Amino acid sequence: MKRVLFATSIMALALSACGQSATDTPAGNSAATDAGTIETTGSPATIGANGPGLVPTPKFVENAAISDMFEIASSKLALTRATAPEIKSFAQAMIAAHEGTTAALKKTLATAGVAVTPPTAMDERHAGMLDELQKAAPDKFDAKYLDEQTQAHREALGLMDSYATNGENAALKAFAAETKPKIQMHLDMVSKLDHGGADETAKDGAQNGM
């Protein structure tokens, strides 16, 4: 019963995140300078080597699109390979949420007349992360998925924070500001899953011969 209620709460949180405004962003989430940080608390890391300052518009569009592509692809994989029901529910919510931000980004680019075309394929780093996830052993998959979700969302949060603060295009700055609290909500959800031991289900099953 607890697993069912938890899975339901994940979907509800994801849906509520879609309706948040930028003013709802939790305090203390300014971008950090350490791009390797993947912890679930503290300041987020930024994508790439742009640091916490100015992210050029083409790079912002590229990174935002790639981030969504990775989230969608890795979460589709989790729907078929994850063991914990809570993680599968989270993965389904991530697919819907990031398909939504992808559509919003494209709409913003079109209505604002920004002459930047989002990439249609992931970069080498994210493709490598997806490949590592695909190769994860059954009893390691859930933990690997949560680790990669933590890293990806921290990077995405840093990206949105950087552009919302220092971006060059007003429409994209508004998009980043609107998207930032949604990413924070996803990061909070990952943290709750991780700290709640959701990824232990597969390990327990393996130890018990399931």
N, C-alpha and C. Protein backbone atom coordinates (compact mmCIF):
# COMPACT_ATOMS: atom_id res chain seq x y z
N MET A 1 0.83 -1.21 0.00
CA MET A 1 0.00 0.00 0.00
C MET A 1 0.86 1.25 0.00
N LYS A 2 1.98 1.23 0.81
CA LYS A 2 2.86 2.38 0.86
C LYS A 2 3.46 2.67 -0.51
N ARG A 3 3.83 1.58 -1.26
CA ARG A 3 4.41 1.77 -2.59
C ARG A 3 3.42 2.41 -3.54
N VAL A 4 2.14 1.99 -3.46
CA VAL A 4 1.10 2.56 -4.33
C VAL A 4 0.91 4.03 -4.04
N LEU A 5 0.84 4.37 -2.73
CA LEU A 5 0.65 5.77 -2.34
C LEU A 5 1.84 6.61 -2.76
N PHE A 6 3.05 6.05 -2.63
CA PHE A 6 4.25 6.79 -3.00
C PHE A 6 4.29 7.04 -4.50
N ALA A 7 3.95 6.01 -5.29
CA ALA A 7 3.94 6.16 -6.74
C ALA A 7 2.92 7.20 -7.17
N THR A 8 1.75 7.20 -6.50
CA THR A 8 0.72 8.18 -6.82
C THR A 8 1.20 9.59 -6.51
N SER A 9 1.92 9.72 -5.37
CA SER A 9 2.41 11.05 -4.99
C SER A 9 3.43 11.56 -5.97
N ILE A 10 4.23 10.67 -6.56
CA ILE A 10 5.22 11.08 -7.55
C ILE A 10 4.54 11.70 -8.76
N MET A 11 3.50 11.06 -9.26
CA MET A 11 2.78 11.58 -10.42
C MET A 11 2.14 12.92 -10.08
N ALA A 12 1.58 13.03 -8.87
CA ALA A 12 0.93 14.28 -8.47
C ALA A 12 1.94 15.41 -8.37
N LEU A 13 3.12 15.12 -7.83
CA LEU A 13 4.16 16.14 -7.72
C LEU A 13 4.61 16.62 -9.09
N ALA A 14 4.77 15.67 -10.02
CA ALA A 14 5.21 16.04 -11.37
C ALA A 14 4.18 16.93 -12.05
N LEU A 15 2.91 16.61 -11.88
CA LEU A 15 1.86 17.42 -12.49
C LEU A 15 1.80 18.80 -11.85
N SER A 16 1.98 18.85 -10.52
CA SER A 16 1.94 20.15 -9.86
C SER A 16 3.12 21.00 -10.26
N ALA A 17 4.25 20.37 -10.56
CA ALA A 17 5.44 21.11 -10.98
C ALA A 17 5.19 21.84 -12.28
N CYS A 18 4.40 21.24 -13.14
CA CYS A 18 4.12 21.86 -14.44
C CYS A 18 3.36 23.17 -14.28
N GLY A 19 2.69 23.33 -13.13
CA GLY A 19 1.91 24.55 -12.93
C GLY A 19 2.60 25.58 -12.07
N GLN A 20 3.84 25.29 -11.61
CA GLN A 20 4.53 26.24 -10.76
C GLN A 20 5.04 27.43 -11.54
N SER A 21 5.17 28.55 -10.87
CA SER A 21 5.78 29.73 -11.46
C SER A 21 7.21 29.83 -11.02
N ALA A 22 7.98 30.71 -11.68
CA ALA A 22 9.38 30.85 -11.34
C ALA A 22 9.57 31.38 -9.93
N THR A 23 8.59 32.07 -9.39
CA THR A 23 8.72 32.63 -8.05
C THR A 23 8.64 31.57 -6.98
N ASP A 24 8.27 30.33 -7.35
CA ASP A 24 8.16 29.26 -6.38
C ASP A 24 9.46 28.53 -6.17
N THR A 25 10.54 28.93 -6.84
CA THR A 25 11.81 28.24 -6.75
C THR A 25 12.33 28.27 -5.33
N PRO A 26 12.75 27.09 -4.79
CA PRO A 26 13.28 27.07 -3.44
C PRO A 26 14.54 27.90 -3.33
N ALA A 27 14.78 28.46 -2.13
CA ALA A 27 15.95 29.29 -1.94
C ALA A 27 17.21 28.45 -1.93
N GLY A 28 18.35 29.09 -2.25
CA GLY A 28 19.63 28.42 -2.14
C GLY A 28 19.96 27.54 -3.31
N ASN A 29 19.43 27.81 -4.51
CA ASN A 29 19.69 26.95 -5.65
C ASN A 29 20.43 27.67 -6.75
N SER A 30 21.27 28.65 -6.41
CA SER A 30 22.07 29.32 -7.43
C SER A 30 23.09 28.37 -7.98
N ALA A 31 23.54 28.62 -9.25
CA ALA A 31 24.43 27.68 -9.93
C ALA A 31 25.78 27.60 -9.24
N ALA A 32 26.34 26.40 -9.22
CA ALA A 32 27.65 26.18 -8.62
C ALA A 32 28.71 26.12 -9.69
N THR A 33 29.96 26.26 -9.29
CA THR A 33 31.04 26.24 -10.27
C THR A 33 31.57 24.85 -10.50
N ASP A 34 31.23 23.88 -9.65
CA ASP A 34 31.73 22.52 -9.81
C ASP A 34 30.78 21.72 -10.67
N ALA A 35 31.15 21.50 -11.95
CA ALA A 35 30.28 20.81 -12.88
C ALA A 35 30.23 19.32 -12.63
N GLY A 36 31.04 18.80 -11.72
CA GLY A 36 31.02 17.38 -11.45
C GLY A 36 30.14 17.01 -10.28
N THR A 37 29.59 17.97 -9.56
CA THR A 37 28.78 17.68 -8.39
C THR A 37 27.49 16.98 -8.78
N ILE A 38 27.16 15.88 -8.09
CA ILE A 38 25.93 15.16 -8.41
C ILE A 38 25.12 14.90 -7.14
N GLU A 39 25.44 15.56 -6.04
CA GLU A 39 24.69 15.35 -4.82
C GLU A 39 23.30 15.95 -4.95
N THR A 40 22.38 15.52 -4.08
CA THR A 40 20.98 15.95 -4.20
C THR A 40 20.66 17.17 -3.37
N THR A 41 21.64 17.70 -2.63
CA THR A 41 21.38 18.89 -1.86
C THR A 41 22.40 19.96 -2.20
N GLY A 42 22.10 21.21 -1.88
CA GLY A 42 23.04 22.29 -2.15
C GLY A 42 22.83 22.89 -3.52
N SER A 43 23.86 23.58 -4.01
CA SER A 43 23.76 24.30 -5.27
C SER A 43 23.94 23.36 -6.45
N PRO A 44 23.19 23.59 -7.55
CA PRO A 44 23.27 22.73 -8.72
C PRO A 44 24.51 22.98 -9.54
N ALA A 45 24.92 21.96 -10.28
CA ALA A 45 26.03 22.12 -11.22
C ALA A 45 25.49 22.58 -12.56
N THR A 46 26.33 23.13 -13.38
CA THR A 46 25.91 23.58 -14.70
C THR A 46 26.32 22.58 -15.76
N ILE A 47 25.60 22.58 -16.87
CA ILE A 47 25.96 21.72 -17.98
C ILE A 47 27.20 22.28 -18.67
N GLY A 48 28.12 21.39 -18.99
CA GLY A 48 29.30 21.80 -19.74
C GLY A 48 30.24 22.63 -18.91
N ALA A 49 30.98 23.51 -19.58
CA ALA A 49 32.00 24.30 -18.92
C ALA A 49 31.67 25.78 -18.91
N ASN A 50 30.40 26.13 -18.98
CA ASN A 50 30.01 27.53 -19.05
C ASN A 50 30.12 28.22 -17.69
N GLY A 51 30.12 27.46 -16.61
CA GLY A 51 30.18 28.06 -15.29
C GLY A 51 28.85 28.73 -14.95
N PRO A 52 28.81 29.48 -13.85
CA PRO A 52 27.56 30.05 -13.38
C PRO A 52 27.18 31.35 -14.07
N GLY A 53 28.00 31.85 -14.99
CA GLY A 53 27.71 33.12 -15.62
C GLY A 53 26.94 32.98 -16.92
N LEU A 54 27.34 33.74 -17.91
CA LEU A 54 26.62 33.81 -19.18
C LEU A 54 26.70 32.51 -19.96
N VAL A 55 25.54 32.00 -20.39
CA VAL A 55 25.46 30.87 -21.30
C VAL A 55 24.96 31.41 -22.63
N PRO A 56 25.75 31.36 -23.70
CA PRO A 56 25.29 31.87 -24.99
C PRO A 56 23.99 31.18 -25.41
N THR A 57 23.13 31.92 -26.09
CA THR A 57 21.83 31.39 -26.47
C THR A 57 21.90 30.08 -27.26
N PRO A 58 22.74 29.98 -28.30
CA PRO A 58 22.81 28.70 -29.02
C PRO A 58 23.19 27.52 -28.11
N LYS A 59 24.12 27.79 -27.17
CA LYS A 59 24.54 26.73 -26.25
C LYS A 59 23.42 26.38 -25.28
N PHE A 60 22.67 27.36 -24.85
CA PHE A 60 21.54 27.11 -23.95
C PHE A 60 20.51 26.22 -24.64
N VAL A 61 20.17 26.56 -25.87
CA VAL A 61 19.18 25.77 -26.62
C VAL A 61 19.69 24.34 -26.82
N GLU A 62 20.94 24.22 -27.19
CA GLU A 62 21.53 22.89 -27.41
C GLU A 62 21.49 22.05 -26.13
N ASN A 63 21.94 22.63 -25.03
CA ASN A 63 21.99 21.88 -23.78
C ASN A 63 20.61 21.55 -23.23
N ALA A 64 19.68 22.48 -23.37
CA ALA A 64 18.32 22.23 -22.89
C ALA A 64 17.67 21.10 -23.68
N ALA A 65 17.87 21.09 -24.98
CA ALA A 65 17.28 20.05 -25.83
C ALA A 65 17.91 18.69 -25.53
N ILE A 66 19.24 18.67 -25.38
CA ILE A 66 19.93 17.42 -25.09
C ILE A 66 19.53 16.88 -23.72
N SER A 67 19.38 17.77 -22.76
CA SER A 67 18.94 17.36 -21.43
C SER A 67 17.59 16.66 -21.49
N ASP A 68 16.65 17.26 -22.22
CA ASP A 68 15.33 16.64 -22.36
C ASP A 68 15.43 15.29 -23.07
N MET A 69 16.24 15.22 -24.13
CA MET A 69 16.39 13.96 -24.86
C MET A 69 16.91 12.85 -23.95
N PHE A 70 17.89 13.20 -23.14
CA PHE A 70 18.45 12.19 -22.23
C PHE A 70 17.42 11.75 -21.20
N GLU A 71 16.70 12.70 -20.63
CA GLU A 71 15.70 12.37 -19.63
C GLU A 71 14.63 11.44 -20.21
N ILE A 72 14.19 11.75 -21.41
CA ILE A 72 13.14 10.94 -22.04
C ILE A 72 13.66 9.54 -22.37
N ALA A 73 14.84 9.46 -22.99
CA ALA A 73 15.39 8.16 -23.41
C ALA A 73 15.71 7.28 -22.21
N SER A 74 16.34 7.85 -21.19
CA SER A 74 16.70 7.06 -20.01
C SER A 74 15.46 6.62 -19.24
N SER A 75 14.45 7.47 -19.22
CA SER A 75 13.22 7.12 -18.50
C SER A 75 12.40 6.08 -19.25
N LYS A 76 12.43 6.11 -20.56
CA LYS A 76 11.76 5.05 -21.34
C LYS A 76 12.44 3.71 -21.07
N LEU A 77 13.74 3.74 -20.95
CA LEU A 77 14.49 2.53 -20.61
C LEU A 77 14.10 2.03 -19.22
N ALA A 78 13.92 2.98 -18.29
CA ALA A 78 13.55 2.61 -16.92
C ALA A 78 12.16 1.98 -16.86
N LEU A 79 11.28 2.36 -17.75
CA LEU A 79 9.94 1.76 -17.76
C LEU A 79 10.01 0.26 -18.00
N THR A 80 11.00 -0.19 -18.76
CA THR A 80 11.11 -1.61 -19.08
C THR A 80 12.08 -2.36 -18.17
N ARG A 81 13.03 -1.62 -17.55
CA ARG A 81 14.08 -2.31 -16.80
C ARG A 81 14.05 -2.07 -15.29
N ALA A 82 13.45 -0.99 -14.83
CA ALA A 82 13.43 -0.71 -13.40
C ALA A 82 12.62 -1.77 -12.66
N THR A 83 13.02 -2.03 -11.43
CA THR A 83 12.33 -3.02 -10.61
C THR A 83 11.31 -2.38 -9.67
N ALA A 84 11.70 -1.27 -9.05
CA ALA A 84 10.82 -0.63 -8.08
C ALA A 84 9.65 0.08 -8.76
N PRO A 85 8.42 -0.17 -8.32
CA PRO A 85 7.26 0.51 -8.91
C PRO A 85 7.35 2.03 -8.79
N GLU A 86 7.93 2.52 -7.68
CA GLU A 86 8.07 3.96 -7.49
C GLU A 86 8.97 4.58 -8.56
N ILE A 87 10.01 3.86 -8.92
CA ILE A 87 10.94 4.36 -9.93
C ILE A 87 10.29 4.35 -11.31
N LYS A 88 9.50 3.34 -11.59
CA LYS A 88 8.78 3.31 -12.86
C LYS A 88 7.78 4.46 -12.95
N SER A 89 7.11 4.75 -11.84
CA SER A 89 6.17 5.87 -11.83
C SER A 89 6.90 7.19 -12.05
N PHE A 90 8.05 7.33 -11.42
CA PHE A 90 8.87 8.52 -11.61
C PHE A 90 9.30 8.64 -13.06
N ALA A 91 9.73 7.53 -13.65
CA ALA A 91 10.17 7.53 -15.05
C ALA A 91 9.05 7.98 -15.98
N GLN A 92 7.84 7.48 -15.74
CA GLN A 92 6.69 7.88 -16.56
C GLN A 92 6.44 9.37 -16.43
N ALA A 93 6.55 9.88 -15.21
CA ALA A 93 6.35 11.31 -14.99
C ALA A 93 7.42 12.13 -15.70
N MET A 94 8.67 11.63 -15.72
CA MET A 94 9.75 12.36 -16.38
C MET A 94 9.56 12.41 -17.89
N ILE A 95 9.07 11.34 -18.47
CA ILE A 95 8.81 11.33 -19.91
C ILE A 95 7.80 12.42 -20.26
N ALA A 96 6.69 12.45 -19.53
CA ALA A 96 5.66 13.45 -19.79
C ALA A 96 6.17 14.86 -19.56
N ALA A 97 6.89 15.06 -18.46
CA ALA A 97 7.37 16.41 -18.11
C ALA A 97 8.38 16.92 -19.13
N HIS A 98 9.31 16.09 -19.55
CA HIS A 98 10.36 16.56 -20.45
C HIS A 98 9.91 16.62 -21.91
N GLU A 99 8.92 15.83 -22.26
CA GLU A 99 8.29 16.04 -23.57
C GLU A 99 7.60 17.40 -23.57
N GLY A 100 7.05 17.77 -22.42
CA GLY A 100 6.40 19.08 -22.29
C GLY A 100 7.38 20.23 -22.40
N THR A 101 8.54 20.13 -21.75
CA THR A 101 9.51 21.22 -21.84
C THR A 101 10.15 21.29 -23.22
N THR A 102 10.28 20.15 -23.88
CA THR A 102 10.78 20.15 -25.26
C THR A 102 9.83 20.93 -26.16
N ALA A 103 8.53 20.66 -26.02
CA ALA A 103 7.53 21.36 -26.83
C ALA A 103 7.52 22.85 -26.49
N ALA A 104 7.66 23.18 -25.21
CA ALA A 104 7.67 24.59 -24.79
C ALA A 104 8.88 25.33 -25.34
N LEU A 105 10.03 24.67 -25.36
CA LEU A 105 11.24 25.29 -25.90
C LEU A 105 11.08 25.58 -27.39
N LYS A 106 10.57 24.61 -28.12
CA LYS A 106 10.37 24.80 -29.56
C LYS A 106 9.37 25.93 -29.84
N LYS A 107 8.31 25.99 -29.05
CA LYS A 107 7.31 27.03 -29.22
C LYS A 107 7.91 28.40 -28.92
N THR A 108 8.73 28.47 -27.88
CA THR A 108 9.37 29.74 -27.52
C THR A 108 10.30 30.21 -28.63
N LEU A 109 11.07 29.30 -29.18
CA LEU A 109 11.98 29.65 -30.26
C LEU A 109 11.22 30.18 -31.47
N ALA A 110 10.09 29.53 -31.77
CA ALA A 110 9.30 29.93 -32.94
C ALA A 110 8.63 31.28 -32.74
N THR A 111 7.99 31.47 -31.58
CA THR A 111 7.25 32.72 -31.35
C THR A 111 8.18 33.91 -31.15
N ALA A 112 9.39 33.64 -30.62
CA ALA A 112 10.34 34.74 -30.38
C ALA A 112 11.21 35.00 -31.59
N GLY A 113 11.09 34.15 -32.60
CA GLY A 113 11.88 34.33 -33.81
C GLY A 113 13.37 34.12 -33.59
N VAL A 114 13.73 33.20 -32.69
CA VAL A 114 15.13 32.90 -32.41
C VAL A 114 15.63 31.92 -33.48
N ALA A 115 16.65 32.32 -34.20
CA ALA A 115 17.15 31.50 -35.31
C ALA A 115 18.16 30.47 -34.83
N VAL A 116 17.71 29.61 -33.92
CA VAL A 116 18.55 28.53 -33.42
C VAL A 116 17.72 27.25 -33.50
N THR A 117 18.29 26.22 -34.12
CA THR A 117 17.58 24.95 -34.26
C THR A 117 18.09 23.97 -33.21
N PRO A 118 17.20 23.43 -32.38
CA PRO A 118 17.63 22.45 -31.37
C PRO A 118 18.21 21.21 -32.04
N PRO A 119 19.20 20.58 -31.43
CA PRO A 119 19.76 19.34 -31.99
C PRO A 119 18.73 18.22 -31.95
N THR A 120 18.94 17.24 -32.80
CA THR A 120 18.02 16.09 -32.85
C THR A 120 18.65 14.83 -32.28
N ALA A 121 19.88 14.94 -31.80
CA ALA A 121 20.57 13.79 -31.20
C ALA A 121 21.38 14.26 -30.00
N MET A 122 21.58 13.35 -29.06
CA MET A 122 22.36 13.66 -27.88
C MET A 122 23.84 13.81 -28.21
N ASP A 123 24.55 14.52 -27.37
CA ASP A 123 25.99 14.62 -27.52
C ASP A 123 26.65 13.34 -27.02
N GLU A 124 27.96 13.26 -27.20
CA GLU A 124 28.70 12.04 -26.86
C GLU A 124 28.60 11.71 -25.37
N ARG A 125 28.66 12.72 -24.52
CA ARG A 125 28.63 12.47 -23.08
C ARG A 125 27.31 11.86 -22.64
N HIS A 126 26.20 12.45 -23.08
CA HIS A 126 24.91 11.91 -22.68
C HIS A 126 24.63 10.55 -23.33
N ALA A 127 25.09 10.37 -24.56
CA ALA A 127 24.95 9.07 -25.21
C ALA A 127 25.72 8.02 -24.43
N GLY A 128 26.88 8.40 -23.89
CA GLY A 128 27.67 7.48 -23.08
C GLY A 128 26.97 7.14 -21.78
N MET A 129 26.33 8.14 -21.17
CA MET A 129 25.58 7.89 -19.94
C MET A 129 24.43 6.92 -20.20
N LEU A 130 23.75 7.10 -21.32
CA LEU A 130 22.64 6.21 -21.66
C LEU A 130 23.16 4.80 -21.92
N ASP A 131 24.31 4.70 -22.58
CA ASP A 131 24.90 3.40 -22.85
C ASP A 131 25.27 2.68 -21.55
N GLU A 132 25.82 3.42 -20.59
CA GLU A 132 26.15 2.83 -19.30
C GLU A 132 24.90 2.33 -18.59
N LEU A 133 23.83 3.08 -18.71
CA LEU A 133 22.56 2.67 -18.09
C LEU A 133 22.04 1.40 -18.74
N GLN A 134 22.14 1.32 -20.05
CA GLN A 134 21.67 0.13 -20.77
C GLN A 134 22.46 -1.11 -20.38
N LYS A 135 23.73 -0.92 -20.06
CA LYS A 135 24.60 -2.05 -19.72
C LYS A 135 24.55 -2.43 -18.25
N ALA A 136 23.84 -1.66 -17.44
CA ALA A 136 23.78 -1.94 -16.01
C ALA A 136 23.15 -3.30 -15.73
N ALA A 137 23.70 -4.02 -14.77
CA ALA A 137 23.14 -5.31 -14.38
C ALA A 137 21.75 -5.10 -13.78
N PRO A 138 20.89 -6.11 -13.86
CA PRO A 138 19.52 -5.96 -13.35
C PRO A 138 19.45 -5.45 -11.92
N ASP A 139 20.33 -5.94 -11.04
CA ASP A 139 20.27 -5.52 -9.65
C ASP A 139 20.95 -4.17 -9.41
N LYS A 140 21.55 -3.61 -10.45
CA LYS A 140 22.22 -2.32 -10.33
C LYS A 140 21.47 -1.21 -11.08
N PHE A 141 20.50 -1.60 -11.90
CA PHE A 141 19.86 -0.64 -12.78
C PHE A 141 19.17 0.49 -12.02
N ASP A 142 18.35 0.16 -11.04
CA ASP A 142 17.59 1.19 -10.34
C ASP A 142 18.50 2.25 -9.72
N ALA A 143 19.58 1.80 -9.07
CA ALA A 143 20.51 2.73 -8.44
C ALA A 143 21.21 3.58 -9.50
N LYS A 144 21.59 2.96 -10.61
CA LYS A 144 22.27 3.69 -11.69
C LYS A 144 21.34 4.74 -12.29
N TYR A 145 20.10 4.38 -12.49
CA TYR A 145 19.13 5.32 -13.04
C TYR A 145 18.95 6.53 -12.12
N LEU A 146 18.81 6.30 -10.83
CA LEU A 146 18.65 7.40 -9.89
C LEU A 146 19.90 8.28 -9.84
N ASP A 147 21.08 7.65 -9.90
CA ASP A 147 22.32 8.44 -9.91
C ASP A 147 22.39 9.35 -11.13
N GLU A 148 22.04 8.79 -12.29
CA GLU A 148 22.10 9.59 -13.52
C GLU A 148 21.01 10.65 -13.55
N GLN A 149 19.86 10.35 -12.97
CA GLN A 149 18.80 11.35 -12.89
C GLN A 149 19.21 12.51 -11.98
N THR A 150 19.90 12.18 -10.90
CA THR A 150 20.40 13.21 -10.00
C THR A 150 21.38 14.12 -10.73
N GLN A 151 22.33 13.53 -11.42
CA GLN A 151 23.32 14.31 -12.15
C GLN A 151 22.68 15.16 -13.23
N ALA A 152 21.82 14.55 -14.03
CA ALA A 152 21.20 15.26 -15.15
C ALA A 152 20.33 16.42 -14.69
N HIS A 153 19.58 16.21 -13.62
CA HIS A 153 18.71 17.28 -13.14
C HIS A 153 19.48 18.40 -12.45
N ARG A 154 20.56 18.07 -11.79
CA ARG A 154 21.39 19.13 -11.21
C ARG A 154 21.98 19.99 -12.33
N GLU A 155 22.44 19.36 -13.38
CA GLU A 155 23.00 20.10 -14.50
C GLU A 155 21.94 20.96 -15.18
N ALA A 156 20.76 20.38 -15.38
CA ALA A 156 19.67 21.13 -16.01
C ALA A 156 19.24 22.31 -15.15
N LEU A 157 19.23 22.11 -13.84
CA LEU A 157 18.85 23.19 -12.93
C LEU A 157 19.86 24.33 -13.00
N GLY A 158 21.14 23.98 -13.06
CA GLY A 158 22.17 25.00 -13.19
C GLY A 158 22.06 25.75 -14.50
N LEU A 159 21.74 25.04 -15.56
CA LEU A 159 21.59 25.66 -16.87
C LEU A 159 20.44 26.66 -16.86
N MET A 160 19.28 26.24 -16.34
CA MET A 160 18.13 27.13 -16.30
C MET A 160 18.39 28.34 -15.40
N ASP A 161 19.04 28.11 -14.28
CA ASP A 161 19.36 29.19 -13.36
C ASP A 161 20.29 30.22 -14.03
N SER A 162 21.30 29.72 -14.72
CA SER A 162 22.27 30.60 -15.38
C SER A 162 21.60 31.46 -16.44
N TYR A 163 20.77 30.82 -17.29
CA TYR A 163 20.17 31.59 -18.38
C TYR A 163 19.06 32.50 -17.88
N ALA A 164 18.31 32.05 -16.89
CA ALA A 164 17.25 32.91 -16.34
C ALA A 164 17.84 34.18 -15.74
N THR A 165 19.07 34.09 -15.24
CA THR A 165 19.72 35.24 -14.62
C THR A 165 20.48 36.10 -15.62
N ASN A 166 21.20 35.46 -16.53
CA ASN A 166 22.12 36.19 -17.40
C ASN A 166 21.87 36.00 -18.89
N GLY A 167 20.76 35.39 -19.26
CA GLY A 167 20.50 35.09 -20.67
C GLY A 167 20.37 36.33 -21.54
N GLU A 168 20.60 36.11 -22.85
CA GLU A 168 20.58 37.21 -23.82
C GLU A 168 19.20 37.48 -24.41
N ASN A 169 18.35 36.46 -24.45
CA ASN A 169 17.05 36.59 -25.09
C ASN A 169 15.94 36.60 -24.05
N ALA A 170 15.08 37.61 -24.09
CA ALA A 170 14.05 37.78 -23.06
C ALA A 170 13.07 36.61 -23.02
N ALA A 171 12.65 36.12 -24.18
CA ALA A 171 11.68 35.03 -24.22
C ALA A 171 12.27 33.74 -23.66
N LEU A 172 13.52 33.47 -24.00
CA LEU A 172 14.18 32.27 -23.49
C LEU A 172 14.50 32.41 -22.00
N LYS A 173 14.78 33.64 -21.56
CA LYS A 173 14.98 33.87 -20.13
C LYS A 173 13.71 33.54 -19.36
N ALA A 174 12.57 33.93 -19.91
CA ALA A 174 11.29 33.62 -19.26
C ALA A 174 11.04 32.12 -19.25
N PHE A 175 11.38 31.46 -20.35
CA PHE A 175 11.25 30.00 -20.42
C PHE A 175 12.11 29.33 -19.36
N ALA A 176 13.35 29.79 -19.23
CA ALA A 176 14.27 29.21 -18.25
C ALA A 176 13.75 29.43 -16.83
N ALA A 177 13.25 30.64 -16.56
CA ALA A 177 12.73 30.95 -15.23
C ALA A 177 11.50 30.10 -14.91
N GLU A 178 10.67 29.85 -15.91
CA GLU A 178 9.47 29.03 -15.70
C GLU A 178 9.83 27.55 -15.53
N THR A 179 10.89 27.11 -16.22
CA THR A 179 11.27 25.70 -16.19
C THR A 179 12.05 25.35 -14.94
N LYS A 180 12.79 26.30 -14.40
CA LYS A 180 13.66 26.05 -13.25
C LYS A 180 12.96 25.38 -12.07
N PRO A 181 11.79 25.88 -11.60
CA PRO A 181 11.14 25.21 -10.45
C PRO A 181 10.65 23.81 -10.77
N LYS A 182 10.35 23.55 -12.03
CA LYS A 182 9.93 22.20 -12.42
C LYS A 182 11.11 21.24 -12.26
N ILE A 183 12.30 21.68 -12.71
CA ILE A 183 13.49 20.85 -12.57
C ILE A 183 13.83 20.64 -11.10
N GLN A 184 13.67 21.68 -10.30
CA GLN A 184 13.90 21.54 -8.86
C GLN A 184 12.96 20.51 -8.26
N MET A 185 11.70 20.53 -8.68
CA MET A 185 10.74 19.55 -8.20
C MET A 185 11.17 18.13 -8.56
N HIS A 186 11.66 17.95 -9.79
CA HIS A 186 12.14 16.63 -10.22
C HIS A 186 13.33 16.19 -9.37
N LEU A 187 14.23 17.11 -9.10
CA LEU A 187 15.40 16.80 -8.29
C LEU A 187 14.99 16.40 -6.87
N ASP A 188 14.00 17.09 -6.33
CA ASP A 188 13.49 16.73 -5.01
C ASP A 188 12.87 15.34 -5.02
N MET A 189 12.19 15.00 -6.11
CA MET A 189 11.58 13.68 -6.23
C MET A 189 12.64 12.59 -6.29
N VAL A 190 13.72 12.84 -7.04
CA VAL A 190 14.82 11.87 -7.13
C VAL A 190 15.45 11.68 -5.75
N SER A 191 15.66 12.77 -5.06
CA SER A 191 16.26 12.70 -3.73
C SER A 191 15.39 11.87 -2.78
N LYS A 192 14.09 12.07 -2.86
CA LYS A 192 13.17 11.32 -2.00
C LYS A 192 13.22 9.83 -2.31
N LEU A 193 13.28 9.50 -3.60
CA LEU A 193 13.38 8.09 -4.00
C LEU A 193 14.69 7.48 -3.51
N ASP A 194 15.77 8.22 -3.71
CA ASP A 194 17.09 7.72 -3.34
C ASP A 194 17.22 7.53 -1.83
N HIS A 195 16.85 8.55 -1.09
CA HIS A 195 16.96 8.48 0.36
C HIS A 195 15.93 7.52 0.97
N GLY A 196 14.85 7.26 0.23
CA GLY A 196 13.83 6.34 0.72
C GLY A 196 14.15 4.88 0.42
N GLY A 197 15.27 4.64 -0.28
CA GLY A 197 15.69 3.27 -0.56
C GLY A 197 14.93 2.58 -1.67
N ALA A 198 14.34 3.35 -2.59
CA ALA A 198 13.58 2.73 -3.68
C ALA A 198 14.46 1.84 -4.54
N ASP A 199 15.74 2.18 -4.67
CA ASP A 199 16.64 1.40 -5.51
C ASP A 199 17.12 0.12 -4.84
N GLU A 200 16.69 -0.12 -3.61
CA GLU A 200 17.09 -1.34 -2.91
C GLU A 200 16.22 -2.53 -3.30
N THR A 201 15.10 -2.28 -3.98
CA THR A 201 14.16 -3.36 -4.35
C THR A 201 14.84 -4.41 -5.19
N ALA A 202 15.58 -3.97 -6.22
CA ALA A 202 16.24 -4.92 -7.11
C ALA A 202 17.32 -5.71 -6.38
N LYS A 203 18.06 -5.04 -5.49
CA LYS A 203 19.10 -5.73 -4.73
C LYS A 203 18.49 -6.78 -3.83
N ASP A 204 17.39 -6.44 -3.15
CA ASP A 204 16.72 -7.39 -2.26
C ASP A 204 16.20 -8.59 -3.03
N GLY A 205 15.65 -8.30 -4.25
CA GLY A 205 15.14 -9.38 -5.07
C GLY A 205 16.24 -10.33 -5.50
N ALA A 206 17.41 -9.77 -5.85
CA ALA A 206 18.53 -10.60 -6.28
C ALA A 206 19.04 -11.46 -5.13
N GLN A 207 19.10 -10.89 -3.93
CA GLN A 207 19.58 -11.62 -2.77
C GLN A 207 18.62 -12.74 -2.36
N ASN A 208 17.33 -12.51 -2.63
CA ASN A 208 16.33 -13.51 -2.26
C ASN A 208 16.03 -14.49 -3.38
N GLY A 209 16.78 -14.36 -4.49
CA GLY A 209 16.61 -15.29 -5.60
C GLY A 209 15.41 -15.03 -6.45
N MET A 210 14.89 -13.80 -6.43
CA MET A 210 13.70 -13.45 -7.22
C MET A 210 14.08 -13.28 -8.67
